[in-house]
Amino acid sequence: MDNLCHTLAGAAFAQAGLGRRTRLAGATLVIGANLPDVDVLVFATSAPAVAFRRGWTHGIAAQALLPVALTALMLLVARTIPADDDGPPARAGWLLALSYLGVLSHVGLDLLNNYGIRLLAPFDWRWFYGDAVFILDPWLWLTLGAGLWLSARRAADGLPPSTTPARLALVAAALYIAAMSVSAQWARSAVLDAWRDARRTEPLSLMVGPRPVTPFHRTVVVDAGDHYETGTFTWAPWRPVPGRPTAPYVSFDAVVPKNDRDPRVARAREVPHIRGFLAWSRFPFWDLEEAPAGTRVRVGDMRFRGRGAFTQDVVVPEAADIISAF
């Protein structure tokens, strides 16, 4: 998920009552909810960001160690900066528990979308995908934000502080996530059945991924061997479909060749930044176009087709050497 969602989740946990358990509780929850994304520092290097992100700082080792480091930092802050209120002192046990809650909430939310997360890194570099909630989900923003706003409004109106709005927001968010996760599994089964009925074969792999804003519609990507087929899945029973009036409805409406057997693609795979991209890519496809010095080979991923940030280029000359990369 995006950092706004992570921040709202950490703040909601604090406002729900956990912020009163120890000094610096709120800061610990918000920082912990964002801490695994420290790997964004990779953008300051020349390494392909997708090859590094959601790995070292999101895997099982980081889940165990990052909260310990955050607790140590918070205890240092508590000793360095004197308290200016009559609240509770800094309690190491509570700070550690809240650090774990923040970090694990981040990992759990990231696991929901189709970008992927290397959950077992560094012991196993496999990617795991929830395919349930889009990486930018306004419904989670609104739900968690509303709980925080209602709590802040009470304070602005001079009313006694209440944990109820934030707790209700967290419950509503959890129910929404559960519903999206269950519907994702049902949608996958429906698409798989539709594919088998239409093609009489098994797909090599399949994604029924979330779309922004519209929880009743999903994007379909099917690996059919030498090409992908894309389509749409919808739960919406009110959508008129000629010849098929009942929902759910599955359509396969586009074919995208992989182009992965071209000799120029084989040479492009040897380039380090292309290898890094492929370590992340789930549904890679290749485009080739003539360039002054040879052929420009571009690799993308069907999950984010049409988004330039999720592509890598290299120019393959007629000779054996690759002379430039972008």
C-alpha atoms as a PDB file:
ATOM      1  CA  MET A   1       0.000   0.000   0.000  1.00  0.00           C
ATOM      2  CA  ASP A   2       0.991   3.653  -0.249  1.00  0.00           C
ATOM      3  CA  ASN A   3       2.491   5.548   2.663  1.00  0.00           C
ATOM      4  CA  LEU A   4      -0.655   7.590   3.271  1.00  0.00           C
ATOM      5  CA  CYS A   5      -2.538   4.391   4.023  1.00  0.00           C
ATOM      6  CA  HIS A   6       0.270   3.094   6.245  1.00  0.00           C
ATOM      7  CA  THR A   7       0.383   6.396   8.140  1.00  0.00           C
ATOM      8  CA  LEU A   8      -3.385   6.464   8.639  1.00  0.00           C
ATOM      9  CA  ALA A   9      -3.309   2.885   9.936  1.00  0.00           C
ATOM     10  CA  GLY A  10      -0.572   3.664  12.464  1.00  0.00           C
ATOM     11  CA  ALA A  11      -2.353   6.818  13.598  1.00  0.00           C
ATOM     12  CA  ALA A  12      -5.665   4.956  13.922  1.00  0.00           C
ATOM     13  CA  PHE A  13      -4.055   2.337  16.177  1.00  0.00           C
ATOM     14  CA  ALA A  14      -2.708   5.139  18.333  1.00  0.00           C
ATOM     15  CA  GLN A  15      -6.048   6.976  18.468  1.00  0.00           C
ATOM     16  CA  ALA A  16      -7.866   3.722  19.277  1.00  0.00           C
ATOM     17  CA  GLY A  17      -6.235   3.723  22.721  1.00  0.00           C
ATOM     18  CA  LEU A  18      -2.759   2.329  22.171  1.00  0.00           C
ATOM     19  CA  GLY A  19      -1.317   5.826  22.110  1.00  0.00           C
ATOM     20  CA  ARG A  20      -1.900   6.095  25.852  1.00  0.00           C
ATOM     21  CA  ARG A  21       0.125   3.030  26.816  1.00  0.00           C
ATOM     22  CA  THR A  22       3.545   4.634  26.870  1.00  0.00           C
ATOM     23  CA  ARG A  23       5.339   7.822  26.028  1.00  0.00           C
ATOM     24  CA  LEU A  24       6.070   8.132  22.265  1.00  0.00           C
ATOM     25  CA  ALA A  25       3.444   5.487  21.492  1.00  0.00           C
ATOM     26  CA  GLY A  26       1.861   7.455  18.641  1.00  0.00           C
ATOM     27  CA  ALA A  27       5.182   8.243  17.012  1.00  0.00           C
ATOM     28  CA  THR A  28       6.272   4.616  17.365  1.00  0.00           C
ATOM     29  CA  LEU A  29       3.122   3.325  15.672  1.00  0.00           C
ATOM     30  CA  VAL A  30       3.289   5.791  12.770  1.00  0.00           C
ATOM     31  CA  ILE A  31       7.025   5.319  12.197  1.00  0.00           C
ATOM     32  CA  GLY A  32       6.720   1.539  12.501  1.00  0.00           C
ATOM     33  CA  ALA A  33       3.855   1.528  10.021  1.00  0.00           C
ATOM     34  CA  ASN A  34       6.166   3.161   7.459  1.00  0.00           C
ATOM     35  CA  LEU A  35       9.564   1.781   8.485  1.00  0.00           C
ATOM     36  CA  PRO A  36       9.856  -1.119   5.982  1.00  0.00           C
ATOM     37  CA  ASP A  37       9.681   1.450   3.186  1.00  0.00           C
ATOM     38  CA  VAL A  38      13.149   2.650   4.126  1.00  0.00           C
ATOM     39  CA  ASP A  39      14.120   0.681   1.022  1.00  0.00           C
ATOM     40  CA  VAL A  40      12.974   3.681  -1.057  1.00  0.00           C
ATOM     41  CA  LEU A  41      16.558   4.860  -0.616  1.00  0.00           C
ATOM     42  CA  VAL A  42      17.334   2.579  -3.539  1.00  0.00           C
ATOM     43  CA  PHE A  43      15.944   5.317  -5.805  1.00  0.00           C
ATOM     44  CA  ALA A  44      19.072   7.332  -5.000  1.00  0.00           C
ATOM     45  CA  THR A  45      21.187   4.633  -6.628  1.00  0.00           C
ATOM     46  CA  SER A  46      21.466   3.336 -10.176  1.00  0.00           C
ATOM     47  CA  ALA A  47      20.038  -0.073  -9.250  1.00  0.00           C
ATOM     48  CA  PRO A  48      16.582  -0.984 -10.631  1.00  0.00           C
ATOM     49  CA  ALA A  49      14.260  -0.101  -7.766  1.00  0.00           C
ATOM     50  CA  VAL A  50      11.844  -2.950  -8.432  1.00  0.00           C
ATOM     51  CA  ALA A  51      14.699  -5.444  -8.057  1.00  0.00           C
ATOM     52  CA  PHE A  52      15.339  -4.317  -4.476  1.00  0.00           C
ATOM     53  CA  ARG A  53      12.060  -3.059  -3.051  1.00  0.00           C
ATOM     54  CA  ARG A  54       9.828  -5.128  -0.791  1.00  0.00           C
ATOM     55  CA  GLY A  55      12.622  -7.589  -0.126  1.00  0.00           C
ATOM     56  CA  TRP A  56      15.272  -7.082   2.546  1.00  0.00           C
ATOM     57  CA  THR A  57      13.206  -4.583   4.548  1.00  0.00           C
ATOM     58  CA  HIS A  58       9.902  -6.453   4.196  1.00  0.00           C
ATOM     59  CA  GLY A  59      10.956 -10.071   4.693  1.00  0.00           C
ATOM     60  CA  ILE A  60      10.844 -12.222   7.777  1.00  0.00           C
ATOM     61  CA  ALA A  61      14.260 -11.120   9.061  1.00  0.00           C
ATOM     62  CA  ALA A  62      13.324  -7.439   8.868  1.00  0.00           C
ATOM     63  CA  GLN A  63       9.979  -8.162  10.516  1.00  0.00           C
ATOM     64  CA  ALA A  64      11.904  -9.554  13.486  1.00  0.00           C
ATOM     65  CA  LEU A  65      14.701  -6.974  13.675  1.00  0.00           C
ATOM     66  CA  LEU A  66      13.233  -3.620  12.584  1.00  0.00           C
ATOM     67  CA  PRO A  67      10.915  -3.347  15.634  1.00  0.00           C
ATOM     68  CA  VAL A  68      13.874  -3.958  17.952  1.00  0.00           C
ATOM     69  CA  ALA A  69      15.857  -1.183  16.254  1.00  0.00           C
ATOM     70  CA  LEU A  70      12.869   1.179  16.399  1.00  0.00           C
ATOM     71  CA  THR A  71      12.356   0.464  20.112  1.00  0.00           C
ATOM     72  CA  ALA A  72      16.008   1.241  20.825  1.00  0.00           C
ATOM     73  CA  LEU A  73      15.672   4.508  18.907  1.00  0.00           C
ATOM     74  CA  MET A  74      12.525   5.523  20.794  1.00  0.00           C
ATOM     75  CA  LEU A  75      14.115   4.778  24.161  1.00  0.00           C
ATOM     76  CA  LEU A  76      17.088   6.919  23.150  1.00  0.00           C
ATOM     77  CA  VAL A  77      14.750   9.759  22.156  1.00  0.00           C
ATOM     78  CA  ALA A  78      12.877   9.435  25.451  1.00  0.00           C
ATOM     79  CA  ARG A  79      16.116   9.747  27.409  1.00  0.00           C
ATOM     80  CA  THR A  80      17.423  12.616  25.312  1.00  0.00           C
ATOM     81  CA  ILE A  81      14.284  14.758  25.163  1.00  0.00           C
ATOM     82  CA  PRO A  82      12.564  15.446  28.489  1.00  0.00           C
ATOM     83  CA  ALA A  83       8.837  14.831  28.724  1.00  0.00           C
ATOM     84  CA  ASP A  84       6.698  17.966  28.670  1.00  0.00           C
ATOM     85  CA  ASP A  85       3.435  16.475  29.915  1.00  0.00           C
ATOM     86  CA  ASP A  86       2.025  14.300  32.686  1.00  0.00           C
ATOM     87  CA  GLY A  87       1.588  11.256  30.482  1.00  0.00           C
ATOM     88  CA  PRO A  88       3.026   7.793  31.107  1.00  0.00           C
ATOM     89  CA  PRO A  89       6.780   7.231  30.999  1.00  0.00           C
ATOM     90  CA  ALA A  90       8.506   5.419  28.150  1.00  0.00           C
ATOM     91  CA  ARG A  91       7.988   1.712  28.710  1.00  0.00           C
ATOM     92  CA  ALA A  92      10.311  -0.578  26.762  1.00  0.00           C
ATOM     93  CA  GLY A  93       7.857  -3.481  26.656  1.00  0.00           C
ATOM     94  CA  TRP A  94       5.043  -1.409  25.221  1.00  0.00           C
ATOM     95  CA  LEU A  95       7.329   0.355  22.761  1.00  0.00           C
ATOM     96  CA  LEU A  96       8.536  -3.006  21.470  1.00  0.00           C
ATOM     97  CA  ALA A  97       4.977  -4.337  21.149  1.00  0.00           C
ATOM     98  CA  LEU A  98       3.820  -1.212  19.308  1.00  0.00           C
ATOM     99  CA  SER A  99       6.875  -1.340  17.046  1.00  0.00           C
ATOM    100  CA  TYR A 100       5.980  -4.881  16.047  1.00  0.00           C
ATOM    101  CA  LEU A 101       2.360  -3.886  15.471  1.00  0.00           C
ATOM    102  CA  GLY A 102       3.386  -1.005  13.217  1.00  0.00           C
ATOM    103  CA  VAL A 103       5.889  -3.004  11.159  1.00  0.00           C
ATOM    104  CA  LEU A 104       3.621  -6.041  10.794  1.00  0.00           C
ATOM    105  CA  SER A 105       0.670  -3.849   9.795  1.00  0.00           C
ATOM    106  CA  HIS A 106       2.843  -2.491   6.988  1.00  0.00           C
ATOM    107  CA  VAL A 107       3.782  -5.963   5.765  1.00  0.00           C
ATOM    108  CA  GLY A 108       0.190  -7.162   5.997  1.00  0.00           C
ATOM    109  CA  LEU A 109      -1.150  -4.237   3.988  1.00  0.00           C
ATOM    110  CA  ASP A 110       1.556  -4.617   1.331  1.00  0.00           C
ATOM    111  CA  LEU A 111       0.689  -8.282   0.978  1.00  0.00           C
ATOM    112  CA  LEU A 112      -2.824  -7.335  -0.150  1.00  0.00           C
ATOM    113  CA  ASN A 113      -1.941  -5.926  -3.572  1.00  0.00           C
ATOM    114  CA  ASN A 114      -0.551  -7.258  -6.831  1.00  0.00           C
ATOM    115  CA  TYR A 115       2.844  -5.514  -6.683  1.00  0.00           C
ATOM    116  CA  GLY A 116       4.091  -8.370  -4.534  1.00  0.00           C
ATOM    117  CA  ILE A 117       6.231  -8.797  -1.444  1.00  0.00           C
ATOM    118  CA  ARG A 118       9.142 -11.145  -0.725  1.00  0.00           C
ATOM    119  CA  LEU A 119       7.680 -12.250   2.560  1.00  0.00           C
ATOM    120  CA  LEU A 120      10.397 -14.749   3.502  1.00  0.00           C
ATOM    121  CA  ALA A 121      13.471 -12.715   2.508  1.00  0.00           C
ATOM    122  CA  PRO A 122      16.376 -13.197   2.837  1.00  0.00           C
ATOM    123  CA  PHE A 123      15.842 -16.951   3.271  1.00  0.00           C
ATOM    124  CA  ASP A 124      13.537 -17.313   0.287  1.00  0.00           C
ATOM    125  CA  TRP A 125      13.198 -14.683  -2.461  1.00  0.00           C
ATOM    126  CA  ARG A 126       9.841 -15.820  -3.806  1.00  0.00           C
ATOM    127  CA  TRP A 127       7.197 -13.149  -4.388  1.00  0.00           C
ATOM    128  CA  PHE A 128       3.798 -13.405  -2.703  1.00  0.00           C
ATOM    129  CA  TYR A 129       0.717 -11.631  -4.067  1.00  0.00           C
ATOM    130  CA  GLY A 130      -2.637 -10.938  -2.425  1.00  0.00           C
ATOM    131  CA  ASP A 131      -4.320  -9.538  -5.580  1.00  0.00           C
ATOM    132  CA  ALA A 132      -7.053  -8.266  -3.268  1.00  0.00           C
ATOM    133  CA  VAL A 133      -6.726  -4.488  -2.776  1.00  0.00           C
ATOM    134  CA  PHE A 134      -5.265  -1.925  -5.174  1.00  0.00           C
ATOM    135  CA  ILE A 135      -2.025  -0.317  -4.016  1.00  0.00           C
ATOM    136  CA  LEU A 136      -3.760   3.102  -3.825  1.00  0.00           C
ATOM    137  CA  ASP A 137      -7.136   2.496  -2.217  1.00  0.00           C
ATOM    138  CA  PRO A 138      -9.280   5.588  -1.528  1.00  0.00           C
ATOM    139  CA  TRP A 139     -11.807   3.553   0.465  1.00  0.00           C
ATOM    140  CA  LEU A 140      -9.171   2.737   3.078  1.00  0.00           C
ATOM    141  CA  TRP A 141      -8.057   6.392   3.081  1.00  0.00           C
ATOM    142  CA  LEU A 142     -11.638   7.538   3.681  1.00  0.00           C
ATOM    143  CA  THR A 143     -12.419   4.920   6.329  1.00  0.00           C
ATOM    144  CA  LEU A 144      -9.302   5.435   8.427  1.00  0.00           C
ATOM    145  CA  GLY A 145      -9.237   9.177   7.793  1.00  0.00           C
ATOM    146  CA  ALA A 146     -12.839   9.545   8.929  1.00  0.00           C
ATOM    147  CA  GLY A 147     -12.063   7.827  12.227  1.00  0.00           C
ATOM    148  CA  LEU A 148      -9.130  10.147  12.866  1.00  0.00           C
ATOM    149  CA  TRP A 149     -11.092  13.247  11.807  1.00  0.00           C
ATOM    150  CA  LEU A 150     -13.991  12.432  14.135  1.00  0.00           C
ATOM    151  CA  SER A 151     -11.580  11.958  17.024  1.00  0.00           C
ATOM    152  CA  ALA A 152      -9.861  15.282  16.257  1.00  0.00           C
ATOM    153  CA  ARG A 153     -13.206  17.041  15.946  1.00  0.00           C
ATOM    154  CA  ARG A 154     -14.208  15.917  19.435  1.00  0.00           C
ATOM    155  CA  ALA A 155     -11.038  17.430  20.837  1.00  0.00           C
ATOM    156  CA  ALA A 156     -11.584  20.666  18.874  1.00  0.00           C
ATOM    157  CA  ASP A 157     -15.111  20.899  20.272  1.00  0.00           C
ATOM    158  CA  GLY A 158     -13.802  20.508  23.812  1.00  0.00           C
ATOM    159  CA  LEU A 159     -15.372  17.083  24.265  1.00  0.00           C
ATOM    160  CA  PRO A 160     -13.695  14.286  26.235  1.00  0.00           C
ATOM    161  CA  PRO A 161     -11.328  12.203  24.103  1.00  0.00           C
ATOM    162  CA  SER A 162     -12.864   9.024  22.703  1.00  0.00           C
ATOM    163  CA  THR A 163     -11.293   5.956  21.161  1.00  0.00           C
ATOM    164  CA  THR A 164     -14.565   4.858  19.573  1.00  0.00           C
ATOM    165  CA  PRO A 165     -14.261   6.575  16.138  1.00  0.00           C
ATOM    166  CA  ALA A 166     -10.781   5.163  15.517  1.00  0.00           C
ATOM    167  CA  ARG A 167     -11.778   1.694  16.711  1.00  0.00           C
ATOM    168  CA  LEU A 168     -14.829   1.675  14.440  1.00  0.00           C
ATOM    169  CA  ALA A 169     -12.654   2.824  11.546  1.00  0.00           C
ATOM    170  CA  LEU A 170     -10.193  -0.015  12.139  1.00  0.00           C
ATOM    171  CA  VAL A 171     -13.024  -2.553  12.323  1.00  0.00           C
ATOM    172  CA  ALA A 172     -14.582  -1.190   9.128  1.00  0.00           C
ATOM    173  CA  ALA A 173     -11.207  -1.289   7.358  1.00  0.00           C
ATOM    174  CA  ALA A 174     -10.625  -4.869   8.516  1.00  0.00           C
ATOM    175  CA  LEU A 175     -14.064  -5.946   7.271  1.00  0.00           C
ATOM    176  CA  TYR A 176     -13.436  -4.258   3.918  1.00  0.00           C
ATOM    177  CA  ILE A 177     -10.063  -5.998   3.570  1.00  0.00           C
ATOM    178  CA  ALA A 178     -11.608  -9.356   4.497  1.00  0.00           C
ATOM    179  CA  ALA A 179     -14.395  -8.901   1.940  1.00  0.00           C
ATOM    180  CA  MET A 180     -11.925  -7.913  -0.781  1.00  0.00           C
ATOM    181  CA  SER A 181      -9.689 -10.893   0.035  1.00  0.00           C
ATOM    182  CA  VAL A 182     -12.562 -13.382  -0.108  1.00  0.00           C
ATOM    183  CA  SER A 183     -13.958 -11.861  -3.298  1.00  0.00           C
ATOM    184  CA  ALA A 184     -10.473 -12.040  -4.862  1.00  0.00           C
ATOM    185  CA  GLN A 185     -10.388 -15.805  -4.319  1.00  0.00           C
ATOM    186  CA  TRP A 186     -13.903 -16.257  -5.661  1.00  0.00           C
ATOM    187  CA  ALA A 187     -13.103 -14.094  -8.676  1.00  0.00           C
ATOM    188  CA  ARG A 188      -9.988 -16.119  -9.414  1.00  0.00           C
ATOM    189  CA  SER A 189     -11.998 -19.345  -9.338  1.00  0.00           C
ATOM    190  CA  ALA A 190     -14.639 -17.858 -11.654  1.00  0.00           C
ATOM    191  CA  VAL A 191     -12.033 -16.678 -14.156  1.00  0.00           C
ATOM    192  CA  LEU A 192     -10.224 -20.007 -14.075  1.00  0.00           C
ATOM    193  CA  ASP A 193     -13.492 -21.851 -14.765  1.00  0.00           C
ATOM    194  CA  ALA A 194     -14.319 -19.469 -17.616  1.00  0.00           C
ATOM    195  CA  TRP A 195     -10.866 -19.967 -19.142  1.00  0.00           C
ATOM    196  CA  ARG A 196     -11.129 -23.751 -18.952  1.00  0.00           C
ATOM    197  CA  ASP A 197     -14.578 -23.675 -20.540  1.00  0.00           C
ATOM    198  CA  ALA A 198     -13.456 -21.383 -23.371  1.00  0.00           C
ATOM    199  CA  ARG A 199      -9.959 -22.752 -24.079  1.00  0.00           C
ATOM    200  CA  ARG A 200     -10.136 -26.347 -22.833  1.00  0.00           C
ATOM    201  CA  THR A 201      -6.676 -25.986 -21.330  1.00  0.00           C
ATOM    202  CA  GLU A 202      -4.935 -24.832 -18.171  1.00  0.00           C
ATOM    203  CA  PRO A 203      -3.258 -21.404 -18.032  1.00  0.00           C
ATOM    204  CA  LEU A 204       0.418 -21.266 -17.111  1.00  0.00           C
ATOM    205  CA  SER A 205      -0.410 -18.572 -14.566  1.00  0.00           C
ATOM    206  CA  LEU A 206      -3.260 -16.231 -13.796  1.00  0.00           C
ATOM    207  CA  MET A 207      -3.962 -12.930 -12.086  1.00  0.00           C
ATOM    208  CA  VAL A 208      -7.337 -11.438 -11.242  1.00  0.00           C
ATOM    209  CA  GLY A 209      -6.092  -8.159  -9.852  1.00  0.00           C
ATOM    210  CA  PRO A 210      -7.791  -5.195  -8.206  1.00  0.00           C
ATOM    211  CA  ARG A 211      -8.560  -1.938  -9.966  1.00  0.00           C
ATOM    212  CA  PRO A 212      -8.457   1.530  -8.413  1.00  0.00           C
ATOM    213  CA  VAL A 213     -11.707   2.886  -6.929  1.00  0.00           C
ATOM    214  CA  THR A 214     -13.938   0.084  -8.310  1.00  0.00           C
ATOM    215  CA  PRO A 215     -14.011  -2.919  -5.958  1.00  0.00           C
ATOM    216  CA  PHE A 216     -16.616  -4.706  -8.122  1.00  0.00           C
ATOM    217  CA  HIS A 217     -14.333  -4.871 -11.161  1.00  0.00           C
ATOM    218  CA  ARG A 218     -10.996  -6.635 -11.600  1.00  0.00           C
ATOM    219  CA  THR A 219      -8.320  -6.873 -14.259  1.00  0.00           C
ATOM    220  CA  VAL A 220      -7.582 -10.311 -15.695  1.00  0.00           C
ATOM    221  CA  VAL A 221      -4.172 -11.430 -17.003  1.00  0.00           C
ATOM    222  CA  VAL A 222      -3.728 -15.001 -18.235  1.00  0.00           C
ATOM    223  CA  ASP A 223      -0.398 -16.491 -19.291  1.00  0.00           C
ATOM    224  CA  ALA A 224      -1.271 -18.646 -22.309  1.00  0.00           C
ATOM    225  CA  GLY A 225       2.271 -19.678 -23.237  1.00  0.00           C
ATOM    226  CA  ASP A 226       3.576 -17.530 -26.090  1.00  0.00           C
ATOM    227  CA  HIS A 227       1.128 -14.712 -25.346  1.00  0.00           C
ATOM    228  CA  TYR A 228      -1.034 -13.170 -22.651  1.00  0.00           C
ATOM    229  CA  GLU A 229      -4.758 -12.671 -22.756  1.00  0.00           C
ATOM    230  CA  THR A 230      -6.235  -9.801 -20.807  1.00  0.00           C
ATOM    231  CA  GLY A 231      -9.782  -9.148 -19.807  1.00  0.00           C
ATOM    232  CA  THR A 232     -12.231  -7.982 -17.189  1.00  0.00           C
ATOM    233  CA  PHE A 233     -14.063  -9.566 -14.309  1.00  0.00           C
ATOM    234  CA  THR A 234     -17.085  -7.917 -12.700  1.00  0.00           C
ATOM    235  CA  TRP A 235     -19.358  -8.764  -9.804  1.00  0.00           C
ATOM    236  CA  ALA A 236     -21.834  -6.025 -10.702  1.00  0.00           C
ATOM    237  CA  PRO A 237     -25.193  -7.717 -11.447  1.00  0.00           C
ATOM    238  CA  TRP A 238     -26.646  -4.477 -12.814  1.00  0.00           C
ATOM    239  CA  ARG A 239     -24.210  -4.338 -15.709  1.00  0.00           C
ATOM    240  CA  PRO A 240     -26.048  -5.390 -18.911  1.00  0.00           C
ATOM    241  CA  VAL A 241     -24.200  -8.108 -20.794  1.00  0.00           C
ATOM    242  CA  PRO A 242     -25.815  -9.200 -24.093  1.00  0.00           C
ATOM    243  CA  GLY A 243     -26.371 -12.928 -24.122  1.00  0.00           C
ATOM    244  CA  ARG A 244     -25.172 -13.378 -20.566  1.00  0.00           C
ATOM    245  CA  PRO A 245     -27.416 -11.578 -18.087  1.00  0.00           C
ATOM    246  CA  THR A 246     -26.098 -13.048 -14.867  1.00  0.00           C
ATOM    247  CA  ALA A 247     -23.059 -12.037 -12.811  1.00  0.00           C
ATOM    248  CA  PRO A 248     -20.233 -12.629 -12.276  1.00  0.00           C
ATOM    249  CA  TYR A 249     -19.122 -11.886 -15.785  1.00  0.00           C
ATOM    250  CA  VAL A 250     -15.727 -12.671 -17.325  1.00  0.00           C
ATOM    251  CA  SER A 251     -14.486 -11.355 -20.655  1.00  0.00           C
ATOM    252  CA  PHE A 252     -11.233 -11.992 -22.524  1.00  0.00           C
ATOM    253  CA  ASP A 253     -10.768  -9.129 -24.922  1.00  0.00           C
ATOM    254  CA  ALA A 254      -7.085  -8.653 -25.864  1.00  0.00           C
ATOM    255  CA  VAL A 255      -4.063 -10.718 -26.848  1.00  0.00           C
ATOM    256  CA  VAL A 256      -0.532  -9.470 -26.138  1.00  0.00           C
ATOM    257  CA  PRO A 257       2.417 -11.429 -27.564  1.00  0.00           C
ATOM    258  CA  LYS A 258       5.349 -12.032 -25.243  1.00  0.00           C
ATOM    259  CA  ASN A 259       8.010 -11.781 -27.985  1.00  0.00           C
ATOM    260  CA  ASP A 260      10.303 -13.584 -25.573  1.00  0.00           C
ATOM    261  CA  ARG A 261      11.820 -15.999 -28.106  1.00  0.00           C
ATOM    262  CA  ASP A 262      13.501 -13.368 -30.258  1.00  0.00           C
ATOM    263  CA  PRO A 263      17.328 -13.684 -30.239  1.00  0.00           C
ATOM    264  CA  ARG A 264      17.604  -9.960 -29.442  1.00  0.00           C
ATOM    265  CA  VAL A 265      15.534 -10.538 -26.311  1.00  0.00           C
ATOM    266  CA  ALA A 266      17.887 -13.312 -25.263  1.00  0.00           C
ATOM    267  CA  ARG A 267      20.796 -10.874 -25.522  1.00  0.00           C
ATOM    268  CA  ALA A 268      18.897  -8.182 -23.645  1.00  0.00           C
ATOM    269  CA  ARG A 269      18.332 -10.587 -20.752  1.00  0.00           C
ATOM    270  CA  GLU A 270      22.093 -10.574 -20.128  1.00  0.00           C
ATOM    271  CA  VAL A 271      22.118  -6.895 -19.115  1.00  0.00           C
ATOM    272  CA  PRO A 272      22.232  -6.404 -15.304  1.00  0.00           C
ATOM    273  CA  HIS A 273      19.377  -3.912 -15.036  1.00  0.00           C
ATOM    274  CA  ILE A 274      17.176  -6.117 -17.231  1.00  0.00           C
ATOM    275  CA  ARG A 275      17.982  -9.111 -15.028  1.00  0.00           C
ATOM    276  CA  GLY A 276      17.040  -7.037 -12.010  1.00  0.00           C
ATOM    277  CA  PHE A 277      13.706  -6.099 -13.574  1.00  0.00           C
ATOM    278  CA  LEU A 278      12.966  -9.730 -14.425  1.00  0.00           C
ATOM    279  CA  ALA A 279      13.634 -10.733 -10.805  1.00  0.00           C
ATOM    280  CA  TRP A 280      10.552  -8.659  -9.951  1.00  0.00           C
ATOM    281  CA  SER A 281       8.422  -9.121 -13.049  1.00  0.00           C
ATOM    282  CA  ARG A 282       5.477 -11.484 -12.863  1.00  0.00           C
ATOM    283  CA  PHE A 283       4.166 -11.261 -16.447  1.00  0.00           C
ATOM    284  CA  PRO A 284       7.049  -9.918 -18.562  1.00  0.00           C
ATOM    285  CA  PHE A 285       6.493  -8.959 -22.192  1.00  0.00           C
ATOM    286  CA  TRP A 286       8.868  -7.466 -24.746  1.00  0.00           C
ATOM    287  CA  ASP A 287       8.587  -4.737 -27.380  1.00  0.00           C
ATOM    288  CA  LEU A 288      11.165  -4.309 -30.128  1.00  0.00           C
ATOM    289  CA  GLU A 289      11.672  -1.266 -32.328  1.00  0.00           C
ATOM    290  CA  GLU A 290      14.387  -0.180 -34.690  1.00  0.00           C
ATOM    291  CA  ALA A 291      16.962   2.276 -33.320  1.00  0.00           C
ATOM    292  CA  PRO A 292      19.892   4.054 -35.044  1.00  0.00           C
ATOM    293  CA  ALA A 293      22.411   1.748 -33.372  1.00  0.00           C
ATOM    294  CA  GLY A 294      20.414  -1.472 -33.569  1.00  0.00           C
ATOM    295  CA  THR A 295      17.170  -2.547 -31.907  1.00  0.00           C
ATOM    296  CA  ARG A 296      15.645  -1.031 -28.804  1.00  0.00           C
ATOM    297  CA  VAL A 297      14.335  -3.840 -26.606  1.00  0.00           C
ATOM    298  CA  ARG A 298      11.891  -2.807 -23.911  1.00  0.00           C
ATOM    299  CA  VAL A 299      10.565  -5.118 -21.207  1.00  0.00           C
ATOM    300  CA  GLY A 300       7.411  -4.373 -19.233  1.00  0.00           C
ATOM    301  CA  ASP A 301       5.013  -6.209 -16.973  1.00  0.00           C
ATOM    302  CA  MET A 302       1.375  -6.879 -17.827  1.00  0.00           C
ATOM    303  CA  ARG A 303       0.266  -5.858 -14.337  1.00  0.00           C
ATOM    304  CA  PHE A 304       1.320  -2.272 -15.076  1.00  0.00           C
ATOM    305  CA  ARG A 305       1.170  -2.176 -18.841  1.00  0.00           C
ATOM    306  CA  GLY A 306       1.367   1.345 -20.237  1.00  0.00           C
ATOM    307  CA  ARG A 307       3.144   2.761 -17.181  1.00  0.00           C
ATOM    308  CA  GLY A 308       6.641   3.876 -18.123  1.00  0.00           C
ATOM    309  CA  ALA A 309       7.937   3.612 -14.581  1.00  0.00           C
ATOM    310  CA  PHE A 310       7.564  -0.159 -14.842  1.00  0.00           C
ATOM    311  CA  THR A 311       9.689  -0.718 -17.947  1.00  0.00           C
ATOM    312  CA  GLN A 312      13.370  -1.096 -18.742  1.00  0.00           C
ATOM    313  CA  ASP A 313      15.104  -0.435 -22.092  1.00  0.00           C
ATOM    314  CA  VAL A 314      18.299  -1.542 -23.747  1.00  0.00           C
ATOM    315  CA  VAL A 315      19.667  -1.078 -27.270  1.00  0.00           C
ATOM    316  CA  VAL A 316      20.889  -4.302 -28.834  1.00  0.00           C
ATOM    317  CA  PRO A 317      23.234  -3.730 -31.804  1.00  0.00           C
ATOM    318  CA  GLU A 318      23.719  -6.063 -34.695  1.00  0.00           C
ATOM    319  CA  ALA A 319      27.049  -7.079 -33.198  1.00  0.00           C
ATOM    320  CA  ALA A 320      27.251  -9.237 -30.133  1.00  0.00           C
ATOM    321  CA  ASP A 321      27.874  -6.388 -27.685  1.00  0.00           C
ATOM    322  CA  ILE A 322      25.143  -4.301 -26.137  1.00  0.00           C
ATOM    323  CA  ILE A 323      26.191  -0.692 -26.493  1.00  0.00           C
ATOM    324  CA  SER A 324      23.698   1.362 -24.490  1.00  0.00           C
ATOM    325  CA  ALA A 325      20.979   1.024 -21.903  1.00  0.00           C
ATOM    326  CA  PHE A 326      18.284   3.340 -20.617  1.00  0.00           C
END
